[in-house]
Amino acid sequence: MENIVLNNKLECPVVGIGTFMLAPADAENSVREALKIGYRLVDTANAYVNERAVGRGIKESGVDRKEVFLSTKLWPSEYENENAVNETLERLSVDYVDLLYIHQPAGNWLAGYRQLEKAYKEGKAKSIGISNFEGKYIEELETKWEVVPQFIQVEAHPYFTQTELRKTLDKYDIKLMSWYPLGHGDKSLINEPVFAELGEKYGKSPAQIILRWHTQMGFVVIPGSKNVDHIKDNLDILDFKLTDEEMAEIAKLDKNERYYHRTEEQLIQFAGWKPDFEKLGM
């Protein structure tokens, strides 16, 4: 496995298993099988309502907890719940997480960030992050943080490389974790001729070329799947390296166009929504 070094000297694997949109049974299965295959990074969130299942998957894998880099996110309705961190740890069946995010710049997000800083100081979170904090939100947070985050999780792919945001990230050595890494299943991205050509050269699929591009951009990538073959393929990207010329060729695809457009109305809705957490024994 390749790792990147965070601004607090912690190391994080460059490829992980994501659990967004996975039902508990699928999340449990995917996490267990991914860890058996060799993954060492697992990403979940309060909002995915599969944290208990992820915790079970980690236990069932037989992989030592210390070897797993576990990432989760507090949802806005939890930002003012002073027990949010402990309840999250309880659902995951762990004493600490390796990375704890606030999920959206909604509701009282500064209270959420203060919870992260407290968890970081107490050792309940080994690193902290912000998810979907772009533009004015990261600019405001920049004036208020006591602990600089180690990570930001945002949409990123060859059509949208977060050029503007990365100027701020580079200033503080904040690492980027990509979601929608393959363009939200957009066939036009996967079918770009450059990926087919490089796939032929390296004996890889276009998706594998794109995932490798992410890691060489310095991004951490967390593709999710309930298909064990896909999970295997997504990890099978570390035995080749794209050249500088090939990376430059891929850079020409950047349109600065995202797939997901969040509105201010949605942020208000996010703050009002409470996850229906998986109950014990399910």
Protein backbone atom coordinates (compact mmCIF):
# COMPACT_ATOMS: atom_id res chain seq x y z
CA MET A 1 0.00 0.00 0.00
CA GLU A 2 1.15 3.56 -0.67
CA ASN A 3 0.60 6.14 2.06
CA ILE A 4 0.57 9.92 2.17
CA VAL A 5 1.88 11.89 5.15
CA LEU A 6 -0.55 14.36 6.71
CA ASN A 7 0.32 17.76 8.18
CA ASN A 8 0.42 16.19 11.67
CA LYS A 9 2.81 13.43 10.45
CA LEU A 10 0.13 10.72 10.53
CA GLU A 11 0.13 8.40 7.50
CA CYS A 12 -2.98 7.55 5.48
CA PRO A 13 -3.36 4.96 2.68
CA VAL A 14 -3.97 6.48 -0.77
CA VAL A 15 -6.81 4.08 -1.64
CA GLY A 16 -9.73 3.12 0.59
CA ILE A 17 -13.17 1.57 0.53
CA GLY A 18 -16.06 4.05 0.56
CA THR A 19 -19.47 3.08 2.00
CA PHE A 20 -21.72 5.90 0.72
CA MET A 21 -25.15 4.53 -0.35
CA LEU A 22 -24.35 1.03 0.96
CA ALA A 23 -27.08 -0.60 3.04
CA PRO A 24 -25.78 -1.99 6.36
CA ALA A 25 -25.51 -5.60 5.13
CA ASP A 26 -23.61 -4.50 2.01
CA ALA A 27 -21.35 -2.13 3.99
CA GLU A 28 -20.47 -4.91 6.44
CA ASN A 29 -19.67 -7.31 3.61
CA SER A 30 -17.69 -4.76 1.54
CA VAL A 31 -15.59 -3.61 4.49
CA ARG A 32 -14.83 -7.17 5.63
CA GLU A 33 -13.84 -8.32 2.13
CA ALA A 34 -11.90 -5.12 1.31
CA LEU A 35 -9.77 -5.47 4.44
CA LYS A 36 -9.12 -9.15 3.66
CA ILE A 37 -8.00 -8.14 0.14
CA GLY A 38 -5.51 -5.61 1.52
CA TYR A 39 -7.35 -2.30 1.93
CA ARG A 40 -6.42 -0.39 5.08
CA LEU A 41 -8.62 2.73 4.76
CA VAL A 42 -12.38 2.65 5.42
CA ASP A 43 -14.66 5.69 5.05
CA THR A 44 -18.18 6.05 6.46
CA ALA A 45 -20.39 8.77 8.01
CA ASN A 46 -23.26 9.33 10.44
CA ALA A 47 -25.44 10.11 7.41
CA TYR A 48 -24.74 6.77 5.70
CA VAL A 49 -26.44 5.05 8.68
CA ASN A 50 -24.11 2.07 8.34
CA GLU A 51 -21.50 2.83 11.04
CA ARG A 52 -22.47 -0.18 13.16
CA ALA A 53 -22.18 -2.39 10.08
CA VAL A 54 -18.76 -0.91 9.24
CA GLY A 55 -17.63 -1.66 12.80
CA ARG A 56 -18.80 -5.26 12.41
CA GLY A 57 -17.03 -5.57 9.05
CA ILE A 58 -13.75 -4.41 10.60
CA LYS A 59 -14.08 -6.95 13.44
CA GLU A 60 -15.00 -9.82 11.10
CA SER A 61 -12.06 -9.10 8.77
CA GLY A 62 -9.59 -10.29 11.39
CA VAL A 63 -7.37 -7.29 10.63
CA ASP A 64 -5.97 -5.59 13.73
CA ARG A 65 -7.82 -2.33 14.50
CA LYS A 66 -4.46 -0.48 14.69
CA GLU A 67 -3.82 -1.35 11.04
CA VAL A 68 -7.09 0.19 9.81
CA PHE A 69 -7.34 3.91 9.03
CA LEU A 70 -11.00 4.57 9.90
CA SER A 71 -12.73 7.74 8.76
CA THR A 72 -16.25 8.98 9.59
CA LYS A 73 -18.21 12.24 9.59
CA LEU A 74 -20.50 14.06 12.02
CA TRP A 75 -23.79 15.13 10.44
CA PRO A 76 -25.02 18.75 10.99
CA SER A 77 -27.87 17.68 13.31
CA GLU A 78 -25.14 16.25 15.60
CA TYR A 79 -22.93 19.36 15.74
CA GLU A 80 -24.54 20.67 18.95
CA ASN A 81 -24.92 17.22 20.54
CA GLU A 82 -22.05 17.15 23.03
CA ASN A 83 -22.14 13.34 23.02
CA ALA A 84 -21.94 13.10 19.21
CA VAL A 85 -18.33 11.90 19.13
CA ASN A 86 -18.79 9.28 21.86
CA GLU A 87 -22.00 8.04 20.23
CA THR A 88 -20.21 7.77 16.88
CA LEU A 89 -17.38 5.76 18.47
CA GLU A 90 -19.93 3.54 20.19
CA ARG A 91 -21.70 2.79 16.89
CA LEU A 92 -18.37 1.93 15.26
CA SER A 93 -17.33 -0.15 18.29
CA VAL A 94 -13.96 1.64 18.55
CA ASP A 95 -12.11 3.83 21.08
CA TYR A 96 -10.94 6.31 18.45
CA VAL A 97 -11.22 7.10 14.75
CA ASP A 98 -8.23 7.95 12.59
CA LEU A 99 -10.11 10.78 10.86
CA LEU A 100 -13.23 12.65 11.93
CA TYR A 101 -14.93 15.15 9.60
CA ILE A 102 -17.79 17.57 9.83
CA HIS A 103 -19.89 16.56 6.85
CA GLN A 104 -21.48 19.80 5.58
CA PRO A 105 -21.16 23.55 6.21
CA ALA A 106 -24.74 23.54 7.52
CA GLY A 107 -26.35 24.44 10.84
CA ASN A 108 -23.96 25.45 13.62
CA TRP A 109 -20.93 24.07 11.82
CA LEU A 110 -18.49 25.97 14.00
CA ALA A 111 -19.81 24.05 17.03
CA GLY A 112 -19.21 20.90 14.98
CA TYR A 113 -15.65 21.92 14.25
CA ARG A 114 -15.03 22.68 17.93
CA GLN A 115 -16.18 19.12 18.67
CA LEU A 116 -13.56 17.83 16.21
CA GLU A 117 -10.83 19.92 17.83
CA LYS A 118 -11.83 18.64 21.26
CA ALA A 119 -11.87 15.02 20.01
CA TYR A 120 -8.44 15.59 18.45
CA LYS A 121 -6.98 16.96 21.69
CA GLU A 122 -8.50 14.02 23.65
CA GLY A 123 -7.12 11.41 21.24
CA LYS A 124 -10.59 10.28 20.12
CA ALA A 125 -9.75 11.46 16.59
CA LYS A 126 -6.17 11.06 15.36
CA SER A 127 -6.84 13.60 12.59
CA ILE A 128 -9.72 15.89 11.63
CA GLY A 129 -11.28 17.09 8.43
CA ILE A 130 -13.94 19.12 6.67
CA SER A 131 -16.23 17.74 3.99
CA ASN A 132 -17.77 19.91 1.26
CA PHE A 133 -16.26 23.13 2.69
CA GLU A 134 -15.34 25.03 -0.43
CA GLY A 135 -15.18 28.73 -1.31
CA LYS A 136 -16.53 31.06 1.38
CA TYR A 137 -16.90 28.24 3.90
CA ILE A 138 -13.24 27.27 4.06
CA GLU A 139 -12.33 30.98 3.96
CA GLU A 140 -14.44 31.60 7.07
CA LEU A 141 -13.18 28.50 8.86
CA GLU A 142 -9.61 29.56 8.12
CA THR A 143 -10.13 32.57 10.42
CA LYS A 144 -11.59 30.43 13.23
CA TRP A 145 -9.80 27.11 13.47
CA GLU A 146 -7.48 26.37 16.38
CA VAL A 147 -6.33 23.09 14.84
CA VAL A 148 -5.72 23.11 11.09
CA PRO A 149 -7.60 20.20 9.47
CA GLN A 150 -5.62 17.35 7.95
CA PHE A 151 -8.18 16.55 5.24
CA ILE A 152 -10.94 17.93 3.09
CA GLN A 153 -13.35 15.59 1.32
CA VAL A 154 -14.83 17.04 -1.88
CA GLU A 155 -15.87 16.13 -5.40
CA ALA A 156 -12.81 15.68 -7.61
CA HIS A 157 -12.13 13.92 -10.93
CA PRO A 158 -10.33 14.71 -14.21
CA TYR A 159 -13.19 17.02 -15.32
CA PHE A 160 -13.04 18.92 -12.00
CA THR A 161 -9.62 19.04 -10.34
CA GLN A 162 -10.41 21.63 -7.62
CA THR A 163 -7.72 24.02 -8.90
CA GLU A 164 -8.97 27.01 -6.89
CA LEU A 165 -9.47 25.11 -3.63
CA ARG A 166 -6.04 23.48 -3.89
CA LYS A 167 -4.35 26.88 -3.55
CA THR A 168 -5.70 27.07 0.02
CA LEU A 169 -5.01 23.39 0.71
CA ASP A 170 -1.39 23.70 -0.40
CA LYS A 171 -0.89 26.65 1.95
CA TYR A 172 -1.70 24.46 4.98
CA ASP A 173 -0.73 21.05 3.57
CA ILE A 174 -4.36 19.87 3.83
CA LYS A 175 -4.89 16.66 1.85
CA LEU A 176 -7.82 16.08 -0.49
CA MET A 177 -10.00 12.95 -0.38
CA SER A 178 -12.00 12.60 -3.61
CA TRP A 179 -15.63 11.66 -3.90
CA TYR A 180 -17.27 11.01 -7.29
CA PRO A 181 -13.72 9.98 -8.32
CA LEU A 182 -14.99 8.39 -11.53
CA GLY A 183 -17.37 11.24 -12.33
CA HIS A 184 -20.52 9.77 -10.77
CA GLY A 185 -20.69 7.02 -13.38
CA ASP A 186 -20.60 9.48 -16.28
CA LYS A 187 -19.74 7.38 -19.32
CA SER A 188 -18.26 10.35 -21.18
CA LEU A 189 -15.47 10.66 -18.59
CA ILE A 190 -14.72 6.91 -18.47
CA ASN A 191 -14.82 6.78 -22.29
CA GLU A 192 -12.31 9.58 -22.87
CA PRO A 193 -9.86 8.15 -25.46
CA VAL A 194 -6.82 8.95 -23.30
CA PHE A 195 -7.96 6.45 -20.64
CA ALA A 196 -8.50 3.68 -23.18
CA GLU A 197 -5.04 4.29 -24.66
CA LEU A 198 -3.32 4.32 -21.27
CA GLY A 199 -5.36 1.29 -20.21
CA GLU A 200 -4.03 -0.60 -23.19
CA LYS A 201 -0.47 0.45 -22.44
CA TYR A 202 -0.58 -0.59 -18.78
CA GLY A 203 -3.03 -3.49 -18.99
CA LYS A 204 -5.63 -1.65 -16.89
CA SER A 205 -9.23 -0.50 -17.29
CA PRO A 206 -10.06 3.20 -17.87
CA ALA A 207 -11.45 3.32 -14.30
CA GLN A 208 -8.16 2.02 -12.91
CA ILE A 209 -6.24 4.66 -14.88
CA ILE A 210 -8.47 7.38 -13.42
CA LEU A 211 -8.04 6.07 -9.87
CA ARG A 212 -4.27 6.01 -10.36
CA TRP A 213 -4.44 9.60 -11.64
CA HIS A 214 -6.08 10.60 -8.33
CA THR A 215 -3.29 9.11 -6.24
CA GLN A 216 -0.62 10.73 -8.42
CA MET A 217 -2.38 14.08 -8.03
CA GLY A 218 -1.77 13.61 -4.29
CA PHE A 219 -5.45 12.81 -3.64
CA VAL A 220 -6.75 9.96 -1.51
CA VAL A 221 -9.49 8.05 -3.29
CA ILE A 222 -12.34 6.02 -1.74
CA PRO A 223 -14.39 4.26 -4.45
CA GLY A 224 -17.32 2.33 -3.01
CA SER A 225 -18.78 -0.91 -4.28
CA LYS A 226 -20.68 -3.95 -3.08
CA ASN A 227 -19.16 -6.04 -5.86
CA VAL A 228 -16.06 -7.83 -4.53
CA ASP A 229 -14.50 -8.05 -8.01
CA HIS A 230 -14.80 -4.27 -8.40
CA ILE A 231 -13.37 -3.78 -4.91
CA LYS A 232 -10.35 -5.90 -5.94
CA ASP A 233 -9.92 -4.00 -9.22
CA ASN A 234 -10.08 -0.63 -7.47
CA LEU A 235 -7.08 -1.58 -5.32
CA ASP A 236 -5.12 -3.02 -8.24
CA ILE A 237 -3.72 0.36 -9.30
CA LEU A 238 -0.44 0.56 -7.41
CA ASP A 239 1.75 -1.59 -9.68
CA PHE A 240 2.24 1.06 -12.39
CA LYS A 241 2.88 4.78 -12.60
CA LEU A 242 1.67 7.35 -15.14
CA THR A 243 4.46 9.48 -16.61
CA ASP A 244 4.57 13.28 -16.26
CA GLU A 245 3.60 13.52 -19.95
CA GLU A 246 0.58 11.26 -19.40
CA MET A 247 -0.50 13.27 -16.35
CA ALA A 248 -0.20 16.44 -18.48
CA GLU A 249 -2.37 14.82 -21.17
CA ILE A 250 -5.07 13.99 -18.59
CA ALA A 251 -4.84 17.56 -17.23
CA LYS A 252 -6.19 18.82 -20.56
CA LEU A 253 -9.56 17.21 -19.74
CA ASP A 254 -10.19 19.62 -16.85
CA LYS A 255 -13.39 21.59 -17.59
CA ASN A 256 -13.79 22.93 -14.05
CA GLU A 257 -17.23 21.29 -14.10
CA ARG A 258 -18.72 19.45 -11.16
CA TYR A 259 -21.60 16.96 -11.15
CA TYR A 260 -23.07 17.88 -7.79
CA HIS A 261 -24.44 21.39 -7.24
CA ARG A 262 -25.49 22.00 -3.65
CA THR A 263 -27.82 24.90 -2.88
CA GLU A 264 -28.23 27.06 0.22
CA GLU A 265 -31.75 25.58 0.57
CA GLN A 266 -30.22 22.12 0.78
CA LEU A 267 -27.88 23.23 3.56
CA ILE A 268 -30.94 24.33 5.57
CA GLN A 269 -32.55 20.93 4.93
CA PHE A 270 -29.33 19.13 5.94
CA ALA A 271 -29.31 20.92 9.29
CA GLY A 272 -32.88 19.79 9.95
CA TRP A 273 -32.48 16.14 8.97
CA LYS A 274 -31.61 13.55 11.61
CA PRO A 275 -30.07 10.22 10.53
CA ASP A 276 -32.13 7.18 11.54
CA PHE A 277 -29.17 5.35 13.04
CA GLU A 278 -28.98 1.58 12.74
CA LYS A 279 -30.17 0.06 15.99
CA LEU A 280 -28.17 -2.40 18.06
CA GLY A 281 -28.66 -6.02 17.06
CA MET A 282 -29.74 -5.28 13.50
